[in-house]
N, C-alpha and C. Protein backbone atom coordinates (compact mmCIF):
# COMPACT_ATOMS: atom_id res chain seq x y z
N MET A 1 -10.32 -5.99 21.11
CA MET A 1 -9.35 -5.02 20.65
C MET A 1 -9.97 -3.63 20.70
N ALA A 2 -9.14 -2.65 20.93
CA ALA A 2 -9.58 -1.26 21.03
C ALA A 2 -10.11 -0.76 19.69
N ASP A 3 -10.98 0.24 19.77
CA ASP A 3 -11.51 0.85 18.56
C ASP A 3 -10.39 1.50 17.75
N LEU A 4 -10.62 1.60 16.46
CA LEU A 4 -9.69 2.32 15.60
C LEU A 4 -9.58 3.77 16.05
N VAL A 5 -8.38 4.33 15.97
CA VAL A 5 -8.20 5.76 16.17
C VAL A 5 -7.84 6.31 14.79
N VAL A 6 -8.83 6.90 14.15
CA VAL A 6 -8.68 7.36 12.77
C VAL A 6 -8.09 8.76 12.75
N GLU A 7 -7.03 8.94 11.98
CA GLU A 7 -6.41 10.26 11.80
C GLU A 7 -7.46 11.22 11.27
N ASP A 8 -7.58 12.37 11.95
CA ASP A 8 -8.59 13.36 11.57
C ASP A 8 -8.03 14.57 10.84
N GLY A 9 -6.73 14.52 10.52
CA GLY A 9 -6.11 15.64 9.81
C GLY A 9 -5.36 16.59 10.71
N ASN A 10 -5.38 16.32 12.02
CA ASN A 10 -4.70 17.20 12.97
C ASN A 10 -3.35 16.65 13.44
N GLY A 11 -3.00 15.45 13.02
CA GLY A 11 -1.73 14.86 13.45
C GLY A 11 -1.83 14.20 14.81
N LEU A 12 -2.80 13.33 14.99
CA LEU A 12 -3.01 12.68 16.28
C LEU A 12 -1.83 11.80 16.67
N ALA A 13 -1.45 11.89 17.93
CA ALA A 13 -0.32 11.11 18.44
C ALA A 13 -0.68 9.64 18.63
N ASN A 14 -1.97 9.33 18.68
CA ASN A 14 -2.40 7.95 18.91
C ASN A 14 -3.17 7.34 17.73
N ALA A 15 -3.17 7.99 16.59
CA ALA A 15 -3.89 7.46 15.43
C ALA A 15 -3.25 6.16 14.96
N ASP A 16 -4.09 5.20 14.58
CA ASP A 16 -3.58 3.93 14.04
C ASP A 16 -4.24 3.57 12.72
N ALA A 17 -5.00 4.51 12.13
CA ALA A 17 -5.69 4.21 10.89
C ALA A 17 -5.91 5.49 10.09
N TYR A 18 -5.87 5.33 8.77
CA TYR A 18 -6.16 6.44 7.86
C TYR A 18 -7.63 6.50 7.46
N ALA A 19 -8.36 5.44 7.71
CA ALA A 19 -9.77 5.40 7.31
C ALA A 19 -10.58 4.64 8.34
N SER A 20 -11.81 5.03 8.50
CA SER A 20 -12.69 4.33 9.42
C SER A 20 -13.23 3.06 8.76
N ARG A 21 -13.71 2.15 9.58
CA ARG A 21 -14.34 0.93 9.07
C ARG A 21 -15.50 1.30 8.14
N GLU A 22 -16.28 2.31 8.54
CA GLU A 22 -17.43 2.74 7.74
C GLU A 22 -16.99 3.26 6.38
N ALA A 23 -15.89 4.02 6.34
CA ALA A 23 -15.39 4.56 5.06
C ALA A 23 -14.93 3.44 4.15
N VAL A 24 -14.24 2.45 4.71
CA VAL A 24 -13.76 1.33 3.89
C VAL A 24 -14.93 0.48 3.41
N LEU A 25 -15.90 0.24 4.29
CA LEU A 25 -17.11 -0.51 3.87
C LEU A 25 -17.84 0.24 2.76
N ALA A 26 -17.97 1.56 2.88
CA ALA A 26 -18.65 2.36 1.85
C ALA A 26 -17.89 2.29 0.53
N TYR A 27 -16.56 2.33 0.60
CA TYR A 27 -15.73 2.25 -0.61
C TYR A 27 -16.03 0.96 -1.37
N TRP A 28 -16.01 -0.17 -0.64
CA TRP A 28 -16.21 -1.46 -1.31
C TRP A 28 -17.67 -1.70 -1.68
N THR A 29 -18.60 -1.18 -0.90
CA THR A 29 -20.02 -1.30 -1.25
C THR A 29 -20.32 -0.56 -2.54
N ALA A 30 -19.73 0.62 -2.71
CA ALA A 30 -19.92 1.40 -3.94
C ALA A 30 -19.39 0.67 -5.16
N ARG A 31 -18.51 -0.28 -4.95
CA ARG A 31 -17.93 -1.06 -6.07
C ARG A 31 -18.55 -2.45 -6.16
N ALA A 32 -19.64 -2.66 -5.44
CA ALA A 32 -20.36 -3.95 -5.42
C ALA A 32 -19.43 -5.11 -5.10
N ASP A 33 -18.49 -4.87 -4.19
CA ASP A 33 -17.54 -5.90 -3.75
C ASP A 33 -17.86 -6.21 -2.30
N THR A 34 -18.13 -7.48 -2.01
CA THR A 34 -18.56 -7.86 -0.66
C THR A 34 -17.48 -8.54 0.17
N VAL A 35 -16.27 -8.66 -0.34
CA VAL A 35 -15.22 -9.36 0.41
C VAL A 35 -14.96 -8.69 1.75
N PHE A 36 -14.82 -7.38 1.79
CA PHE A 36 -14.52 -6.69 3.04
C PHE A 36 -15.70 -6.77 4.00
N SER A 37 -16.92 -6.58 3.50
CA SER A 37 -18.08 -6.62 4.39
C SER A 37 -18.35 -8.03 4.91
N ALA A 38 -17.90 -9.04 4.18
CA ALA A 38 -18.12 -10.43 4.59
C ALA A 38 -17.08 -10.93 5.59
N ALA A 39 -16.10 -10.10 5.94
CA ALA A 39 -15.08 -10.51 6.91
C ALA A 39 -15.75 -10.91 8.22
N ALA A 40 -15.12 -11.78 8.94
CA ALA A 40 -15.70 -12.42 10.12
C ALA A 40 -16.28 -11.46 11.16
N SER A 41 -15.61 -10.36 11.42
CA SER A 41 -16.08 -9.47 12.47
C SER A 41 -15.52 -8.07 12.27
N ASP A 42 -16.06 -7.13 13.04
CA ASP A 42 -15.53 -5.78 13.02
C ASP A 42 -14.07 -5.77 13.44
N GLY A 43 -13.72 -6.61 14.40
CA GLY A 43 -12.33 -6.69 14.86
C GLY A 43 -11.38 -7.12 13.75
N VAL A 44 -11.80 -8.06 12.93
CA VAL A 44 -10.98 -8.52 11.80
C VAL A 44 -10.84 -7.39 10.78
N ARG A 45 -11.94 -6.69 10.50
CA ARG A 45 -11.89 -5.57 9.55
C ARG A 45 -10.99 -4.45 10.09
N ASP A 46 -11.13 -4.14 11.38
CA ASP A 46 -10.31 -3.08 11.98
C ASP A 46 -8.83 -3.44 11.93
N ALA A 47 -8.50 -4.69 12.20
CA ALA A 47 -7.10 -5.13 12.15
C ALA A 47 -6.55 -4.97 10.73
N ALA A 48 -7.36 -5.28 9.73
CA ALA A 48 -6.93 -5.13 8.33
C ALA A 48 -6.69 -3.66 8.00
N ILE A 49 -7.52 -2.78 8.52
CA ILE A 49 -7.34 -1.34 8.28
C ILE A 49 -6.07 -0.84 8.96
N ARG A 50 -5.81 -1.31 10.17
CA ARG A 50 -4.57 -0.93 10.86
C ARG A 50 -3.34 -1.39 10.08
N ARG A 51 -3.37 -2.65 9.61
CA ARG A 51 -2.23 -3.17 8.84
C ARG A 51 -2.06 -2.39 7.55
N ALA A 52 -3.15 -2.04 6.90
CA ALA A 52 -3.08 -1.27 5.66
C ALA A 52 -2.46 0.11 5.90
N SER A 53 -2.89 0.78 6.95
CA SER A 53 -2.36 2.11 7.28
C SER A 53 -0.88 2.03 7.60
N GLN A 54 -0.50 1.05 8.40
CA GLN A 54 0.91 0.88 8.74
C GLN A 54 1.74 0.58 7.50
N PHE A 55 1.21 -0.27 6.62
CA PHE A 55 1.94 -0.65 5.42
C PHE A 55 2.15 0.55 4.49
N ILE A 56 1.17 1.41 4.38
CA ILE A 56 1.31 2.62 3.56
C ILE A 56 2.50 3.44 4.06
N ASP A 57 2.58 3.63 5.37
CA ASP A 57 3.68 4.41 5.93
C ASP A 57 5.02 3.74 5.71
N ILE A 58 5.09 2.43 5.89
CA ILE A 58 6.35 1.71 5.73
C ILE A 58 6.78 1.65 4.26
N GLN A 59 5.85 1.33 3.38
CA GLN A 59 6.18 1.11 1.97
C GLN A 59 6.41 2.41 1.20
N TRP A 60 5.61 3.44 1.48
CA TRP A 60 5.66 4.65 0.67
C TRP A 60 5.94 5.93 1.45
N GLY A 61 6.03 5.85 2.78
CA GLY A 61 6.16 7.04 3.63
C GLY A 61 7.33 7.93 3.29
N ASP A 62 8.47 7.36 2.93
CA ASP A 62 9.64 8.18 2.63
C ASP A 62 9.57 8.83 1.25
N ARG A 63 8.53 8.52 0.49
CA ARG A 63 8.38 9.10 -0.84
C ARG A 63 7.28 10.14 -0.92
N PHE A 64 6.57 10.38 0.18
CA PHE A 64 5.50 11.38 0.16
C PHE A 64 6.07 12.78 0.08
N LYS A 65 5.34 13.66 -0.58
CA LYS A 65 5.70 15.07 -0.65
C LYS A 65 5.57 15.70 0.73
N GLY A 66 6.25 16.82 0.90
CA GLY A 66 6.11 17.60 2.12
C GLY A 66 6.77 16.98 3.33
N ALA A 67 6.35 17.45 4.50
CA ALA A 67 6.88 16.98 5.79
C ALA A 67 5.72 16.73 6.73
N ARG A 68 5.95 15.86 7.69
CA ARG A 68 4.91 15.57 8.67
C ARG A 68 4.46 16.87 9.35
N LYS A 69 3.17 16.97 9.63
CA LYS A 69 2.60 18.20 10.20
C LYS A 69 3.10 18.46 11.62
N THR A 70 3.22 17.41 12.43
CA THR A 70 3.70 17.57 13.81
C THR A 70 4.77 16.54 14.11
N GLU A 71 5.57 16.85 15.08
CA GLU A 71 6.64 15.93 15.50
C GLU A 71 6.08 14.71 16.20
N THR A 72 4.93 14.84 16.83
CA THR A 72 4.38 13.77 17.66
C THR A 72 3.32 12.91 16.99
N GLN A 73 2.96 13.22 15.76
CA GLN A 73 1.89 12.44 15.12
C GLN A 73 2.34 11.00 14.89
N ALA A 74 1.38 10.09 14.94
CA ALA A 74 1.68 8.66 14.84
C ALA A 74 1.89 8.20 13.41
N LEU A 75 1.19 8.80 12.45
CA LEU A 75 1.24 8.37 11.06
C LEU A 75 1.96 9.41 10.20
N GLU A 76 2.26 9.04 8.96
CA GLU A 76 2.96 9.95 8.05
C GLU A 76 2.09 11.13 7.58
N TRP A 77 0.79 10.96 7.59
CA TRP A 77 -0.14 12.04 7.23
C TRP A 77 -0.90 12.45 8.47
N PRO A 78 -1.23 13.74 8.59
CA PRO A 78 -1.18 14.81 7.60
C PRO A 78 0.24 15.35 7.42
N ARG A 79 0.41 16.09 6.32
CA ARG A 79 1.70 16.67 5.98
C ARG A 79 1.52 18.13 5.61
N ILE A 80 2.61 18.87 5.68
CA ILE A 80 2.60 20.27 5.26
C ILE A 80 3.47 20.39 4.01
N GLY A 81 3.24 21.44 3.24
CA GLY A 81 4.04 21.67 2.04
C GLY A 81 3.68 20.77 0.88
N VAL A 82 2.43 20.31 0.83
CA VAL A 82 1.99 19.45 -0.26
C VAL A 82 0.95 20.20 -1.07
N GLU A 83 1.17 20.26 -2.38
CA GLU A 83 0.22 20.92 -3.28
C GLU A 83 -0.22 19.97 -4.37
N THR A 84 -1.42 20.21 -4.89
CA THR A 84 -1.90 19.46 -6.04
C THR A 84 -1.15 19.94 -7.28
N ARG A 85 -1.35 19.25 -8.38
CA ARG A 85 -0.72 19.68 -9.64
C ARG A 85 -1.17 21.08 -10.04
N GLU A 86 -2.37 21.46 -9.60
CA GLU A 86 -2.91 22.78 -9.93
C GLU A 86 -2.44 23.85 -8.96
N GLY A 87 -1.66 23.46 -7.92
CA GLY A 87 -1.12 24.42 -6.98
C GLY A 87 -1.93 24.64 -5.72
N TRP A 88 -2.99 23.86 -5.50
CA TRP A 88 -3.79 23.99 -4.30
C TRP A 88 -3.13 23.23 -3.16
N GLU A 89 -3.14 23.82 -1.98
CA GLU A 89 -2.57 23.16 -0.80
C GLU A 89 -3.42 21.96 -0.42
N VAL A 90 -2.77 20.84 -0.10
CA VAL A 90 -3.45 19.64 0.38
C VAL A 90 -3.51 19.75 1.90
N ALA A 91 -4.72 19.85 2.44
CA ALA A 91 -4.90 19.95 3.88
C ALA A 91 -5.51 18.65 4.40
N GLY A 92 -5.10 18.25 5.59
CA GLY A 92 -5.66 17.04 6.18
C GLY A 92 -5.19 15.80 5.45
N LEU A 93 -6.10 14.84 5.30
CA LEU A 93 -5.78 13.59 4.60
C LEU A 93 -6.25 13.69 3.16
N PRO A 94 -5.36 13.48 2.22
CA PRO A 94 -5.79 13.48 0.83
C PRO A 94 -6.63 12.23 0.54
N PRO A 95 -7.57 12.32 -0.38
CA PRO A 95 -8.43 11.17 -0.68
C PRO A 95 -7.63 9.94 -1.14
N GLN A 96 -6.46 10.17 -1.73
CA GLN A 96 -5.65 9.05 -2.19
C GLN A 96 -5.23 8.15 -1.03
N ILE A 97 -5.00 8.72 0.14
CA ILE A 97 -4.60 7.93 1.31
C ILE A 97 -5.76 7.04 1.77
N VAL A 98 -6.96 7.59 1.78
CA VAL A 98 -8.13 6.80 2.18
C VAL A 98 -8.39 5.69 1.17
N THR A 99 -8.28 6.00 -0.11
CA THR A 99 -8.49 4.99 -1.16
C THR A 99 -7.45 3.88 -1.05
N ALA A 100 -6.19 4.25 -0.88
CA ALA A 100 -5.13 3.24 -0.75
C ALA A 100 -5.36 2.38 0.49
N THR A 101 -5.82 2.99 1.57
CA THR A 101 -6.11 2.23 2.79
C THR A 101 -7.21 1.20 2.53
N ALA A 102 -8.27 1.61 1.84
CA ALA A 102 -9.36 0.68 1.54
C ALA A 102 -8.88 -0.47 0.67
N GLU A 103 -8.10 -0.16 -0.35
CA GLU A 103 -7.58 -1.21 -1.24
C GLU A 103 -6.70 -2.20 -0.48
N LEU A 104 -5.81 -1.67 0.35
CA LEU A 104 -4.90 -2.54 1.09
C LEU A 104 -5.59 -3.29 2.22
N ALA A 105 -6.62 -2.70 2.83
CA ALA A 105 -7.34 -3.39 3.89
C ALA A 105 -8.00 -4.66 3.35
N LYS A 106 -8.56 -4.58 2.17
CA LYS A 106 -9.15 -5.78 1.56
C LYS A 106 -8.07 -6.83 1.32
N LEU A 107 -6.94 -6.42 0.80
CA LEU A 107 -5.84 -7.35 0.55
C LEU A 107 -5.32 -7.95 1.85
N ALA A 108 -5.30 -7.14 2.92
CA ALA A 108 -4.81 -7.62 4.22
C ALA A 108 -5.68 -8.73 4.79
N LEU A 109 -6.94 -8.81 4.37
CA LEU A 109 -7.81 -9.89 4.83
C LEU A 109 -7.34 -11.26 4.36
N SER A 110 -6.60 -11.29 3.24
CA SER A 110 -6.15 -12.57 2.67
C SER A 110 -4.77 -12.99 3.14
N GLY A 111 -4.10 -12.16 3.93
CA GLY A 111 -2.79 -12.54 4.43
C GLY A 111 -1.93 -11.32 4.67
N PRO A 112 -0.68 -11.56 5.05
CA PRO A 112 0.21 -10.44 5.35
C PRO A 112 0.51 -9.59 4.12
N LEU A 113 0.66 -8.30 4.34
CA LEU A 113 1.01 -7.40 3.24
C LEU A 113 2.51 -7.40 3.00
N ALA A 114 3.28 -7.65 4.03
CA ALA A 114 4.74 -7.70 3.89
C ALA A 114 5.17 -9.16 3.78
N GLY A 115 6.29 -9.37 3.11
CA GLY A 115 6.80 -10.73 2.95
C GLY A 115 6.88 -11.09 1.49
N SER A 116 6.75 -12.34 1.17
CA SER A 116 6.90 -12.82 -0.19
C SER A 116 5.96 -12.10 -1.14
N GLY A 117 6.51 -11.45 -2.13
CA GLY A 117 5.70 -10.77 -3.14
C GLY A 117 5.16 -9.43 -2.69
N ALA A 118 5.55 -8.96 -1.51
CA ALA A 118 4.97 -7.74 -0.97
C ALA A 118 5.73 -6.48 -1.34
N SER A 119 6.47 -6.52 -2.41
CA SER A 119 7.19 -5.33 -2.84
C SER A 119 6.83 -5.02 -4.28
N ALA A 120 6.64 -3.74 -4.53
CA ALA A 120 6.34 -3.33 -5.90
C ALA A 120 7.54 -3.53 -6.80
N THR A 121 8.69 -3.75 -6.19
CA THR A 121 9.91 -3.91 -6.97
C THR A 121 10.53 -5.29 -6.77
N ALA A 122 9.76 -6.27 -6.41
CA ALA A 122 10.30 -7.60 -6.16
C ALA A 122 10.99 -8.14 -7.40
N PRO A 123 12.26 -8.50 -7.26
CA PRO A 123 12.98 -9.02 -8.42
C PRO A 123 12.51 -10.42 -8.77
N SER A 124 12.55 -10.74 -10.06
CA SER A 124 12.25 -12.11 -10.42
C SER A 124 13.48 -12.94 -10.14
N LYS A 125 13.25 -14.18 -9.73
CA LYS A 125 14.35 -15.05 -9.35
C LYS A 125 14.71 -15.95 -10.51
N SER A 126 15.98 -16.22 -10.67
CA SER A 126 16.40 -17.14 -11.71
C SER A 126 17.47 -18.04 -11.13
N SER A 127 17.67 -19.16 -11.78
CA SER A 127 18.70 -20.09 -11.35
C SER A 127 19.33 -20.70 -12.60
N ILE A 128 20.49 -21.29 -12.41
CA ILE A 128 21.19 -21.93 -13.52
C ILE A 128 20.56 -23.30 -13.77
N ALA A 129 20.09 -23.51 -15.00
CA ALA A 129 19.47 -24.78 -15.36
C ALA A 129 20.51 -25.76 -15.89
N SER A 130 21.48 -25.25 -16.64
CA SER A 130 22.53 -26.13 -17.17
C SER A 130 23.80 -25.32 -17.44
N VAL A 131 24.93 -26.02 -17.42
CA VAL A 131 26.23 -25.41 -17.70
C VAL A 131 26.96 -26.31 -18.68
N GLN A 132 27.66 -25.71 -19.62
CA GLN A 132 28.46 -26.46 -20.59
C GLN A 132 29.84 -25.85 -20.61
N ALA A 133 30.90 -26.68 -20.60
CA ALA A 133 32.26 -26.15 -20.58
C ALA A 133 32.79 -25.85 -21.97
N GLY A 134 32.63 -26.75 -22.93
CA GLY A 134 33.09 -26.51 -24.30
C GLY A 134 32.20 -25.47 -24.97
N SER A 135 32.79 -24.42 -25.50
CA SER A 135 32.11 -23.28 -26.11
C SER A 135 31.24 -22.52 -25.12
N VAL A 136 31.48 -22.68 -23.87
CA VAL A 136 30.86 -21.97 -22.75
C VAL A 136 29.39 -21.64 -22.99
N ALA A 137 28.51 -22.36 -22.40
CA ALA A 137 27.07 -22.12 -22.50
C ALA A 137 26.46 -22.26 -21.11
N VAL A 138 25.68 -21.29 -20.71
CA VAL A 138 24.97 -21.33 -19.44
C VAL A 138 23.50 -21.06 -19.75
N THR A 139 22.63 -21.86 -19.21
CA THR A 139 21.20 -21.68 -19.42
C THR A 139 20.56 -21.36 -18.07
N TYR A 140 19.76 -20.31 -18.06
CA TYR A 140 19.08 -19.89 -16.84
C TYR A 140 17.60 -20.21 -16.94
N THR A 141 16.96 -20.45 -15.80
CA THR A 141 15.51 -20.58 -15.77
C THR A 141 14.99 -19.45 -14.88
N THR A 142 13.85 -18.95 -15.18
CA THR A 142 13.23 -17.92 -14.37
C THR A 142 12.12 -18.56 -13.56
N ALA A 143 12.14 -18.32 -12.28
CA ALA A 143 11.12 -18.90 -11.41
C ALA A 143 9.76 -18.27 -11.74
N THR A 144 8.75 -19.06 -11.66
CA THR A 144 7.39 -18.57 -11.86
C THR A 144 6.88 -18.00 -10.55
N LYS A 145 6.34 -16.81 -10.63
CA LYS A 145 5.80 -16.20 -9.41
C LYS A 145 4.50 -16.90 -9.04
N THR A 146 4.28 -17.02 -7.73
CA THR A 146 3.03 -17.61 -7.26
C THR A 146 1.88 -16.65 -7.54
N ALA A 147 0.68 -17.16 -7.44
CA ALA A 147 -0.50 -16.32 -7.66
C ALA A 147 -0.52 -15.17 -6.65
N LEU A 148 -0.12 -15.45 -5.39
CA LEU A 148 -0.09 -14.41 -4.37
C LEU A 148 0.93 -13.34 -4.73
N GLU A 149 2.12 -13.75 -5.17
CA GLU A 149 3.14 -12.78 -5.55
C GLU A 149 2.68 -11.91 -6.71
N THR A 150 2.06 -12.51 -7.69
CA THR A 150 1.57 -11.75 -8.85
C THR A 150 0.46 -10.80 -8.42
N ASP A 151 -0.46 -11.28 -7.59
CA ASP A 151 -1.56 -10.44 -7.12
C ASP A 151 -1.01 -9.26 -6.32
N HIS A 152 -0.06 -9.52 -5.42
CA HIS A 152 0.53 -8.45 -4.63
C HIS A 152 1.24 -7.43 -5.53
N ALA A 153 2.03 -7.90 -6.47
CA ALA A 153 2.75 -6.98 -7.36
C ALA A 153 1.77 -6.11 -8.14
N ASP A 154 0.71 -6.72 -8.67
CA ASP A 154 -0.30 -5.95 -9.40
C ASP A 154 -1.02 -4.96 -8.48
N LYS A 155 -1.36 -5.41 -7.28
CA LYS A 155 -2.07 -4.55 -6.32
C LYS A 155 -1.18 -3.38 -5.89
N PHE A 156 0.10 -3.65 -5.62
CA PHE A 156 0.98 -2.58 -5.19
C PHE A 156 1.25 -1.60 -6.31
N TYR A 157 1.25 -2.07 -7.53
CA TYR A 157 1.37 -1.17 -8.67
C TYR A 157 0.15 -0.24 -8.70
N LEU A 158 -1.04 -0.78 -8.47
CA LEU A 158 -2.26 0.02 -8.41
C LEU A 158 -2.17 1.04 -7.28
N ILE A 159 -1.70 0.63 -6.10
CA ILE A 159 -1.59 1.55 -4.97
C ILE A 159 -0.62 2.69 -5.31
N GLU A 160 0.50 2.36 -5.95
CA GLU A 160 1.43 3.42 -6.35
C GLU A 160 0.78 4.39 -7.33
N ARG A 161 -0.03 3.88 -8.23
CA ARG A 161 -0.75 4.76 -9.16
C ARG A 161 -1.72 5.67 -8.40
N ILE A 162 -2.39 5.12 -7.41
CA ILE A 162 -3.32 5.92 -6.60
C ILE A 162 -2.57 7.01 -5.85
N LEU A 163 -1.42 6.66 -5.28
CA LEU A 163 -0.66 7.59 -4.44
C LEU A 163 0.23 8.56 -5.23
N ARG A 164 0.41 8.31 -6.51
CA ARG A 164 1.35 9.11 -7.31
C ARG A 164 1.19 10.62 -7.15
N PRO A 165 -0.02 11.18 -7.13
CA PRO A 165 -0.13 12.64 -7.03
C PRO A 165 0.44 13.22 -5.73
N ILE A 166 0.60 12.41 -4.69
CA ILE A 166 1.10 12.93 -3.42
C ILE A 166 2.50 12.41 -3.09
N MET A 167 3.15 11.80 -4.09
CA MET A 167 4.52 11.32 -3.90
C MET A 167 5.50 12.23 -4.62
N ARG A 168 6.69 12.37 -4.04
CA ARG A 168 7.74 13.16 -4.69
C ARG A 168 8.07 12.54 -6.04
N GLY A 169 8.24 13.36 -7.03
CA GLY A 169 8.58 12.88 -8.36
C GLY A 169 7.38 12.37 -9.12
N GLY A 170 6.36 11.91 -8.43
CA GLY A 170 5.14 11.45 -9.07
C GLY A 170 5.32 10.29 -10.04
N THR A 171 6.40 9.50 -9.86
CA THR A 171 6.62 8.39 -10.76
C THR A 171 6.20 7.10 -10.11
N VAL A 172 5.86 6.14 -10.92
CA VAL A 172 5.44 4.83 -10.45
C VAL A 172 6.56 3.85 -10.73
N ASN A 173 6.93 3.09 -9.69
CA ASN A 173 7.93 2.05 -9.85
C ASN A 173 7.23 0.81 -10.37
N ARG A 174 7.50 0.44 -11.59
CA ARG A 174 6.80 -0.67 -12.21
C ARG A 174 7.32 -2.03 -11.80
N GLY A 175 8.48 -2.10 -11.17
CA GLY A 175 9.01 -3.39 -10.75
C GLY A 175 9.44 -4.22 -11.94
N SER A 176 9.87 -5.42 -11.66
CA SER A 176 10.42 -6.27 -12.72
C SER A 176 9.36 -7.05 -13.48
N SER A 177 8.12 -7.04 -12.97
CA SER A 177 7.08 -7.84 -13.62
C SER A 177 6.36 -7.08 -14.71
N ARG A 178 6.70 -5.86 -14.97
CA ARG A 178 6.01 -5.05 -15.96
C ARG A 178 6.87 -4.87 -17.20
């Protein structure tokens, strides 16, 4: 597989990642977490970084502050018209994007980011357990979320917290599990 093309803050038309393999490895090494470094190969790690970058754009791209810097850029960042809470212009890639990429790249090693449980707002499912006609009684049961669904919901809540300073409104969607 081709090398990662990491966005450098100029709005590359061929970028496929928000963070380099080295940056993600450094992030997890600083936290004494070896899951990402223990991945089978550089190709597996790079694929996880690509999926993480793509997922950030799909899941949160329409909620980012500002506008894309160029019409031809491949990813949602860099953006123009984005300021910190203190009023400083955000240039290039904000650190929150790199952090979110590292967090999601590790999660991507364990399976797909999209699909069952892959939404910060995934509704809990319920079904009718019993029905009674006299005096009308209906009993519902709530499905138990799988460990993967719970882990994804918790992880996506964390990612939204990380990205909050660069999202419009700056609010976190807690979903139904909170």
